[in-house]
N, C-alpha and C. Protein backbone atom coordinates (compact mmCIF):
# COMPACT_ATOMS: atom_id res chain seq x y z
N UNK A 1 0.81 -1.18 0.00
CA UNK A 1 0.04 0.07 0.00
C UNK A 1 0.96 1.15 -0.05
N UNK A 2 0.67 2.27 -0.82
CA UNK A 2 1.53 3.37 -1.01
C UNK A 2 0.54 4.84 -0.53
N UNK A 3 -0.48 4.58 -0.44
CA UNK A 3 -1.40 5.84 -0.17
C UNK A 3 -1.01 6.25 1.41
N UNK A 4 -0.81 7.46 1.50
CA UNK A 4 -0.45 8.16 2.69
C UNK A 4 -1.61 9.03 3.35
N UNK A 5 -2.53 9.23 2.58
CA UNK A 5 -3.73 10.01 3.02
C UNK A 5 -5.00 9.41 2.63
N UNK A 6 -6.12 9.64 3.57
CA UNK A 6 -7.21 8.95 3.32
C UNK A 6 -8.09 9.94 2.26
N UNK A 7 -8.67 9.29 1.47
CA UNK A 7 -9.66 10.12 0.29
C UNK A 7 -10.67 10.84 1.03
N UNK A 8 -11.18 11.89 0.64
CA UNK A 8 -11.94 12.83 1.32
C UNK A 8 -13.32 11.83 1.78
N UNK A 9 -13.91 11.04 0.75
CA UNK A 9 -15.08 10.43 0.96
C UNK A 9 -15.07 9.59 2.29
N UNK A 10 -13.91 9.15 2.60
CA UNK A 10 -13.67 8.28 3.89
C UNK A 10 -13.59 9.27 5.25
N UNK A 11 -13.52 10.42 5.03
CA UNK A 11 -13.33 11.14 6.27
C UNK A 11 -14.41 11.37 7.37
N UNK A 12 -15.97 10.76 6.79
CA UNK A 12 -16.79 10.75 7.73
C UNK A 12 -16.74 9.51 8.52
N UNK A 13 -16.02 8.62 8.25
CA UNK A 13 -15.97 7.37 9.15
C UNK A 13 -14.80 7.67 10.27
N UNK A 14 -13.95 8.87 10.18
CA UNK A 14 -13.25 9.17 11.22
C UNK A 14 -13.52 10.59 11.83
N UNK A 15 -14.69 10.56 12.27
CA UNK A 15 -15.24 11.84 12.83
C UNK A 15 -14.41 12.35 14.15
N UNK A 16 -14.00 11.35 14.80
CA UNK A 16 -13.34 11.57 16.03
C UNK A 16 -11.77 12.14 16.07
N UNK A 17 -11.24 12.25 14.88
CA UNK A 17 -9.88 12.51 14.73
C UNK A 17 -9.82 13.56 13.61
N UNK A 18 -8.86 14.08 13.39
CA UNK A 18 -8.48 14.91 12.17
C UNK A 18 -8.17 14.04 11.09
N UNK A 19 -9.17 13.70 10.28
CA UNK A 19 -9.09 12.54 9.08
C UNK A 19 -8.01 13.02 7.98
N UNK A 20 -7.94 14.17 7.74
CA UNK A 20 -6.89 14.75 6.76
C UNK A 20 -5.47 14.47 7.17
N UNK A 21 -5.09 14.16 8.54
CA UNK A 21 -3.85 14.00 8.89
C UNK A 21 -3.45 12.58 9.03
N UNK A 22 -4.54 11.66 9.01
CA UNK A 22 -4.41 10.20 9.32
C UNK A 22 -3.71 9.60 8.00
N UNK A 23 -2.46 8.87 8.34
CA UNK A 23 -1.65 8.11 7.55
C UNK A 23 -2.21 6.71 7.57
N UNK A 24 -2.75 6.28 6.75
CA UNK A 24 -3.33 4.57 6.60
C UNK A 24 -1.97 3.84 6.71
N UNK A 25 -0.96 4.18 6.40
CA UNK A 25 0.32 3.02 6.34
C UNK A 25 0.56 3.20 7.70
N UNK A 26 0.71 4.18 8.63
CA UNK A 26 1.11 4.23 9.94
C UNK A 26 0.19 3.50 10.88
N UNK A 27 -1.25 3.54 10.48
CA UNK A 27 -2.37 3.07 11.64
C UNK A 27 -3.20 2.11 10.71
N UNK A 28 -2.70 1.05 10.13
CA UNK A 28 -3.54 0.17 9.04
C UNK A 28 -4.62 -0.52 10.02
N UNK A 29 -4.48 -0.96 11.12
CA UNK A 29 -5.49 -1.67 12.06
C UNK A 29 -6.49 -0.80 12.27
N UNK A 30 -6.32 0.43 12.66
CA UNK A 30 -7.29 1.35 13.00
C UNK A 30 -8.17 1.73 11.79
N UNK A 31 -7.55 1.90 10.52
CA UNK A 31 -8.34 2.19 9.50
C UNK A 31 -9.11 0.92 9.01
N UNK A 32 -8.60 -0.24 8.98
CA UNK A 32 -9.13 -1.41 8.49
C UNK A 32 -10.43 -1.67 9.44
N UNK A 33 -10.31 -1.54 10.76
CA UNK A 33 -11.47 -1.93 11.74
C UNK A 33 -12.56 -0.99 11.54
N UNK A 34 -12.19 0.29 11.40
CA UNK A 34 -13.29 1.31 11.34
C UNK A 34 -14.06 1.20 10.16
N UNK A 35 -13.26 0.93 8.89
CA UNK A 35 -14.00 0.57 7.59
C UNK A 35 -14.73 -0.73 7.56
N UNK A 36 -14.21 -1.70 8.28
CA UNK A 36 -14.98 -3.06 8.19
C UNK A 36 -16.37 -2.84 9.19
N UNK A 37 -16.11 -1.98 10.19
CA UNK A 37 -17.30 -1.91 11.20
C UNK A 37 -18.40 -0.92 10.41
N UNK A 38 -17.94 0.08 9.87
CA UNK A 38 -18.91 1.16 9.59
C UNK A 38 -18.95 1.54 8.01
N UNK A 39 -18.08 1.10 7.40
CA UNK A 39 -17.83 1.47 5.80
C UNK A 39 -19.15 1.03 5.09
N UNK A 40 -19.39 1.76 4.08
CA UNK A 40 -20.31 1.42 3.06
C UNK A 40 -19.56 0.58 1.71
N UNK A 41 -20.19 0.26 0.70
CA UNK A 41 -19.65 -0.38 -0.38
C UNK A 41 -18.63 0.20 -1.08
N UNK A 42 -18.50 1.60 -1.20
CA UNK A 42 -17.34 2.33 -1.83
C UNK A 42 -16.27 2.15 -0.98
N UNK A 43 -16.39 2.42 0.45
CA UNK A 43 -15.01 2.35 1.40
C UNK A 43 -14.67 1.03 1.32
N UNK A 44 -15.40 0.22 1.38
CA UNK A 44 -14.88 -1.47 1.43
C UNK A 44 -14.01 -1.67 0.13
N UNK A 45 -14.63 -1.19 -1.05
CA UNK A 45 -13.74 -1.32 -2.10
C UNK A 45 -12.39 -0.77 -2.05
N UNK A 46 -12.43 0.66 -1.53
CA UNK A 46 -11.23 1.36 -1.38
C UNK A 46 -10.13 0.47 -0.27
N UNK A 47 -10.86 -0.15 0.74
CA UNK A 47 -10.11 -0.74 1.83
C UNK A 47 -9.62 -2.03 1.07
N UNK A 48 -10.22 -2.89 0.23
CA UNK A 48 -9.67 -4.20 -0.36
C UNK A 48 -8.61 -4.02 -1.44
N UNK A 49 -8.82 -2.64 -2.07
CA UNK A 49 -7.56 -2.35 -3.05
C UNK A 49 -6.44 -1.72 -2.35
N UNK A 50 -6.50 -1.26 -1.18
CA UNK A 50 -5.31 -0.54 -0.67
C UNK A 50 -4.76 -1.33 0.54
N UNK A 51 -5.37 -2.44 0.93
CA UNK A 51 -4.85 -3.32 1.96
C UNK A 51 -4.86 -4.71 1.51
N UNK A 52 -3.91 -5.55 1.88
CA UNK A 52 -4.05 -7.02 1.52
C UNK A 52 -5.04 -7.71 2.42
N UNK A 53 -5.44 -8.80 1.85
CA UNK A 53 -6.34 -9.59 2.45
C UNK A 53 -5.81 -10.23 3.87
N UNK A 54 -4.57 -10.42 3.82
CA UNK A 54 -3.96 -10.94 4.74
C UNK A 54 -4.11 -9.70 5.98
N UNK A 55 -3.80 -8.59 5.63
CA UNK A 55 -3.91 -7.57 6.81
C UNK A 55 -5.32 -7.43 7.31
N UNK A 56 -6.26 -7.50 6.26
CA UNK A 56 -7.82 -7.30 6.71
C UNK A 56 -7.99 -8.64 7.56
N UNK A 57 -7.66 -9.73 7.34
CA UNK A 57 -8.17 -10.93 8.01
C UNK A 57 -7.45 -10.83 9.41
N UNK A 58 -6.34 -10.47 9.49
CA UNK A 58 -5.53 -10.41 10.78
C UNK A 58 -6.23 -9.18 11.65
N UNK A 59 -6.60 -8.20 11.09
CA UNK A 59 -7.23 -7.07 11.76
C UNK A 59 -8.66 -7.62 12.45
N UNK A 60 -9.37 -8.37 11.39
CA UNK A 60 -10.62 -8.93 11.90
C UNK A 60 -10.47 -9.88 13.17
N UNK A 61 -9.50 -10.62 12.99
CA UNK A 61 -9.21 -11.65 14.12
C UNK A 61 -8.89 -11.03 15.38
N UNK A 62 -7.86 -9.81 15.34
CA UNK A 62 -7.41 -9.43 16.55
C UNK A 62 -8.24 -8.15 17.10
N UNK A 63 -9.04 -7.43 16.26
CA UNK A 63 -9.50 -6.40 16.77
C UNK A 63 -10.51 -6.43 17.86
N UNK A 64 -10.47 -5.42 18.86
CA UNK A 64 -11.42 -5.67 20.05
C UNK A 64 -12.63 -4.42 19.74
N UNK A 65 -12.64 -3.87 18.63
CA UNK A 65 -13.69 -2.96 18.18
C UNK A 65 -14.69 -3.45 17.17
N UNK A 66 -14.57 -4.74 16.63
CA UNK A 66 -15.64 -5.44 15.89
C UNK A 66 -16.61 -5.94 16.59
N UNK A 67 -17.77 -5.57 16.04
CA UNK A 67 -19.24 -6.15 16.93
C UNK A 67 -19.45 -7.61 16.39
N UNK A 68 -20.24 -8.28 16.98
CA UNK A 68 -20.53 -9.70 16.71
C UNK A 68 -21.21 -9.69 15.38
N UNK A 69 -22.08 -8.76 15.07
CA UNK A 69 -22.82 -8.55 13.71
C UNK A 69 -21.70 -8.54 12.52
N UNK A 70 -20.84 -7.60 12.70
CA UNK A 70 -19.75 -7.28 11.85
C UNK A 70 -18.96 -8.50 11.58
N UNK A 71 -18.49 -9.02 12.68
CA UNK A 71 -17.53 -10.18 12.58
C UNK A 71 -18.17 -11.29 12.10
N UNK A 72 -19.48 -11.64 12.30
CA UNK A 72 -20.15 -12.56 11.53
C UNK A 72 -20.10 -12.36 10.09
N UNK A 73 -20.50 -11.33 9.71
CA UNK A 73 -20.52 -10.85 8.22
C UNK A 73 -19.22 -11.17 7.58
N UNK A 74 -18.08 -10.52 8.13
CA UNK A 74 -16.87 -10.61 7.49
C UNK A 74 -16.26 -12.10 7.70
N UNK A 75 -16.64 -12.81 8.76
CA UNK A 75 -16.01 -14.21 8.90
C UNK A 75 -16.64 -14.98 7.70
N UNK A 76 -17.86 -14.72 7.08
CA UNK A 76 -18.51 -15.50 6.07
C UNK A 76 -18.01 -15.08 4.65
N UNK A 77 -17.78 -13.96 4.54
CA UNK A 77 -17.16 -13.19 3.21
C UNK A 77 -15.61 -13.44 3.08
N UNK A 78 -15.02 -13.48 4.16
CA UNK A 78 -13.54 -13.59 3.97
C UNK A 78 -13.30 -15.13 4.39
N UNK A 79 -14.11 -15.97 4.78
CA UNK A 79 -13.87 -17.36 4.87
C UNK A 79 -12.70 -17.58 6.26
N UNK A 80 -13.05 -16.62 7.27
CA UNK A 80 -12.33 -16.93 8.48
C UNK A 80 -13.20 -17.60 9.59
N UNK A 81 -12.71 -18.41 10.16
CA UNK A 81 -13.35 -19.33 11.23
C UNK A 81 -13.53 -18.46 12.44
N UNK A 82 -14.83 -18.57 12.92
CA UNK A 82 -15.29 -17.45 14.04
C UNK A 82 -14.45 -18.05 15.32
N UNK A 83 -13.89 -18.97 15.45
CA UNK A 83 -12.95 -19.45 16.43
C UNK A 83 -11.85 -18.54 16.38
N UNK A 84 -11.23 -17.97 15.42
CA UNK A 84 -10.10 -17.15 15.46
C UNK A 84 -10.40 -15.60 15.54
N UNK A 85 -11.67 -15.34 15.71
CA UNK A 85 -12.09 -13.88 15.74
C UNK A 85 -12.38 -13.33 17.20
N UNK A 86 -11.62 -12.62 17.70
CA UNK A 86 -11.72 -12.12 19.16
C UNK A 86 -13.31 -11.84 19.57
N UNK A 87 -13.98 -11.21 18.94
CA UNK A 87 -15.40 -10.85 19.41
C UNK A 87 -16.24 -12.09 19.63
N UNK A 88 -15.82 -13.18 19.13
CA UNK A 88 -16.67 -14.48 19.31
C UNK A 88 -16.19 -15.35 20.54
N UNK A 89 -15.03 -14.92 21.07
CA UNK A 89 -14.53 -15.55 22.29
C UNK A 89 -15.27 -15.42 23.48
N UNK A 90 -15.79 -16.42 24.14
CA UNK A 90 -16.57 -16.35 25.18
C UNK A 90 -15.91 -15.19 26.39
N UNK A 91 -14.61 -15.20 26.60
CA UNK A 91 -14.23 -14.42 27.57
C UNK A 91 -14.12 -12.89 27.37
N UNK A 92 -14.00 -12.72 26.12
CA UNK A 92 -13.91 -11.35 25.56
C UNK A 92 -15.44 -10.67 25.67
N UNK A 93 -16.55 -11.70 25.38
CA UNK A 93 -17.90 -11.02 25.40
C UNK A 93 -18.13 -10.81 26.75
N UNK A 94 -17.74 -11.64 27.69
CA UNK A 94 -18.00 -11.45 29.10
C UNK A 94 -17.48 -10.19 29.46
N UNK A 95 -16.13 -9.82 29.19
CA UNK A 95 -15.35 -8.70 29.46
C UNK A 95 -16.06 -7.38 29.14
N UNK A 96 -16.42 -7.70 27.93
CA UNK A 96 -17.10 -6.39 27.35
C UNK A 96 -18.64 -6.11 28.08
N UNK A 97 -19.33 -7.27 28.57
CA UNK A 97 -20.55 -6.85 29.15
C UNK A 97 -20.27 -6.47 30.63
N UNK A 98 -19.28 -6.86 31.39
CA UNK A 98 -18.88 -6.27 32.64
C UNK A 98 -18.48 -4.70 32.37
N UNK A 99 -17.99 -4.41 31.30
CA UNK A 99 -17.71 -2.87 31.29
C UNK A 99 -18.95 -2.21 30.89
N UNK A 100 -19.66 -2.67 29.97
CA UNK A 100 -20.78 -1.97 29.61
C UNK A 100 -22.11 -2.90 29.53
N UNK A 101 -22.80 -3.14 30.64
CA UNK A 101 -23.81 -4.09 30.79
C UNK A 101 -25.08 -3.90 29.94
N UNK A 102 -24.99 -2.83 28.83
CA UNK A 102 -26.35 -2.85 28.35
C UNK A 102 -26.38 -3.15 26.73
């Protein structure tokens, strides 16, 4: 991946930071998890064009920000076992409920 700036159409997914200064090369997991969780079709096309499938799968498996719904969708689409995805691990789900029980 050679892109060092996010395209303007992706800035809306990074409302909590200055998206113009975000370098996807320096923070690939952050960019990938945010776009997997909230991105539309155009955002996902950009994601798959600019990141390897290996990076996307690793982020899916390791991320603590991926919801069960998103994890399920991407596990089916990318062919990743749910056993490898952190959000499906029982101990992780219990920790999440203890922090935010709603």
